[in-house]
């Protein structure tokens, strides 16, 4: 995936901040915020490891799970026309609307990886 840096089981979105002329990493999927900055990729990786370690240590001290918990449910709003098209395709495929959308999202994730 573009603009992602992997740290074990954790990922961070990487961007460039022209105002401070540095790269910024921000961990995603955490129960809190953890970010880090550096001027180059090697230093960014090192700073990310330090930031993540500090975050994980704080979670352990306070008995907080570090990763956000997801229910597997979310609301999706689409146009009535798109809803109709998806429902037709799902029915033609013998799938429920949820199953068809789940498969479409899995395909999109594979293609983005």
Protein backbone atom coordinates (compact mmCIF):
# COMPACT_ATOMS: atom_id res chain seq x y z
CA UNK A 1 0.00 0.00 0.00
CA UNK A 2 1.14 3.53 -0.64
CA UNK A 3 2.24 5.80 2.17
CA UNK A 4 2.20 3.07 4.82
CA UNK A 5 5.07 1.92 7.00
CA UNK A 6 4.83 -1.42 8.82
CA UNK A 7 6.01 -1.90 12.41
CA UNK A 8 5.30 -5.53 13.31
CA UNK A 9 1.50 -5.78 13.60
CA UNK A 10 1.10 -1.99 13.49
CA UNK A 11 0.96 0.41 10.54
CA UNK A 12 1.55 4.11 10.19
CA UNK A 13 0.44 6.51 7.46
CA UNK A 14 3.38 8.52 6.15
CA UNK A 15 3.10 12.05 4.76
CA UNK A 16 5.39 14.97 4.04
CA UNK A 17 4.88 18.24 5.90
CA UNK A 18 6.31 21.06 3.75
CA UNK A 19 5.94 23.61 6.54
CA UNK A 20 8.55 21.88 8.66
CA UNK A 21 10.27 20.08 5.75
CA UNK A 22 9.95 16.70 7.45
CA UNK A 23 8.19 13.41 7.02
CA UNK A 24 5.45 12.60 9.51
CA UNK A 25 4.19 9.19 10.50
CA UNK A 26 0.94 8.58 12.34
CA UNK A 27 -0.03 5.15 13.63
CA UNK A 28 -3.49 3.97 12.63
CA UNK A 29 -5.86 1.59 14.39
CA UNK A 30 -4.67 2.50 17.89
CA UNK A 31 -6.70 3.36 20.98
CA UNK A 32 -4.87 6.68 21.12
CA UNK A 33 -2.51 8.87 19.15
CA UNK A 34 1.11 8.15 18.34
CA UNK A 35 3.04 10.08 15.72
CA UNK A 36 6.66 10.70 14.78
CA UNK A 37 8.79 12.94 12.55
CA UNK A 38 12.11 12.70 10.69
CA UNK A 39 13.97 14.07 7.68
CA UNK A 40 14.62 10.73 5.97
CA UNK A 41 13.23 7.19 5.77
CA UNK A 42 15.82 5.54 8.02
CA UNK A 43 15.33 8.09 10.80
CA UNK A 44 11.55 7.94 10.31
CA UNK A 45 11.63 4.17 10.88
CA UNK A 46 13.73 4.61 14.04
CA UNK A 47 11.49 7.38 15.38
CA UNK A 48 8.42 5.27 14.60
CA UNK A 49 9.81 2.38 16.61
CA UNK A 50 10.49 4.71 19.57
CA UNK A 51 7.03 6.29 19.35
CA UNK A 52 5.30 2.92 19.15
CA UNK A 53 7.33 1.55 22.09
CA UNK A 54 6.36 4.58 24.23
CA UNK A 55 2.70 4.13 23.27
CA UNK A 56 2.71 0.39 24.02
CA UNK A 57 4.45 0.97 27.36
CA UNK A 58 1.80 3.54 28.34
CA UNK A 59 -0.98 1.13 27.35
CA UNK A 60 0.59 -1.60 29.47
CA UNK A 61 0.97 0.72 32.49
CA UNK A 62 -2.70 1.72 32.28
CA UNK A 63 -4.03 -1.74 31.29
CA UNK A 64 -5.44 -0.41 28.02
CA UNK A 65 -5.51 -2.58 24.88
CA UNK A 66 -3.33 -0.80 22.29
CA UNK A 67 -5.45 -1.63 19.24
CA UNK A 68 -8.87 -0.20 18.53
CA UNK A 69 -11.61 -2.81 18.66
CA UNK A 70 -13.93 -2.99 15.64
CA UNK A 71 -17.44 -4.47 15.74
CA UNK A 72 -17.54 -5.51 12.09
CA UNK A 73 -20.53 -3.25 11.48
CA UNK A 74 -20.70 0.18 9.88
CA UNK A 75 -23.29 2.24 8.05
CA UNK A 76 -22.78 2.96 4.39
CA UNK A 77 -24.75 5.61 2.52
CA UNK A 78 -24.95 5.40 -1.25
CA UNK A 79 -27.29 6.77 -3.88
CA UNK A 80 -30.53 4.88 -4.49
CA UNK A 81 -29.34 4.08 -8.02
CA UNK A 82 -26.10 2.51 -6.76
CA UNK A 83 -28.03 0.63 -4.05
CA UNK A 84 -30.33 -0.80 -6.74
CA UNK A 85 -27.41 -1.83 -8.96
CA UNK A 86 -25.60 -3.54 -6.07
CA UNK A 87 -28.77 -5.35 -4.98
CA UNK A 88 -29.32 -6.60 -8.55
CA UNK A 89 -25.72 -7.83 -8.88
CA UNK A 90 -25.84 -9.53 -5.47
CA UNK A 91 -29.12 -11.28 -6.32
CA UNK A 92 -27.80 -12.38 -9.72
CA UNK A 93 -24.77 -13.81 -7.94
CA UNK A 94 -26.88 -15.57 -5.32
CA UNK A 95 -25.40 -13.44 -2.55
CA UNK A 96 -26.88 -11.23 0.11
CA UNK A 97 -26.20 -7.52 -0.19
CA UNK A 98 -23.80 -7.70 2.78
CA UNK A 99 -21.90 -10.67 1.32
CA UNK A 100 -21.56 -9.00 -2.08
CA UNK A 101 -20.25 -5.75 -0.54
CA UNK A 102 -17.87 -7.68 1.75
CA UNK A 103 -16.40 -9.46 -1.29
CA UNK A 104 -16.11 -6.16 -3.20
CA UNK A 105 -14.26 -4.59 -0.27
CA UNK A 106 -11.91 -7.59 0.03
CA UNK A 107 -11.15 -7.31 -3.70
CA UNK A 108 -10.44 -3.59 -3.33
CA UNK A 109 -8.07 -4.26 -0.42
CA UNK A 110 -6.16 -6.92 -2.39
CA UNK A 111 -5.82 -4.56 -5.36
CA UNK A 112 -4.60 -1.71 -3.14
CA UNK A 113 -1.94 -3.89 -1.46
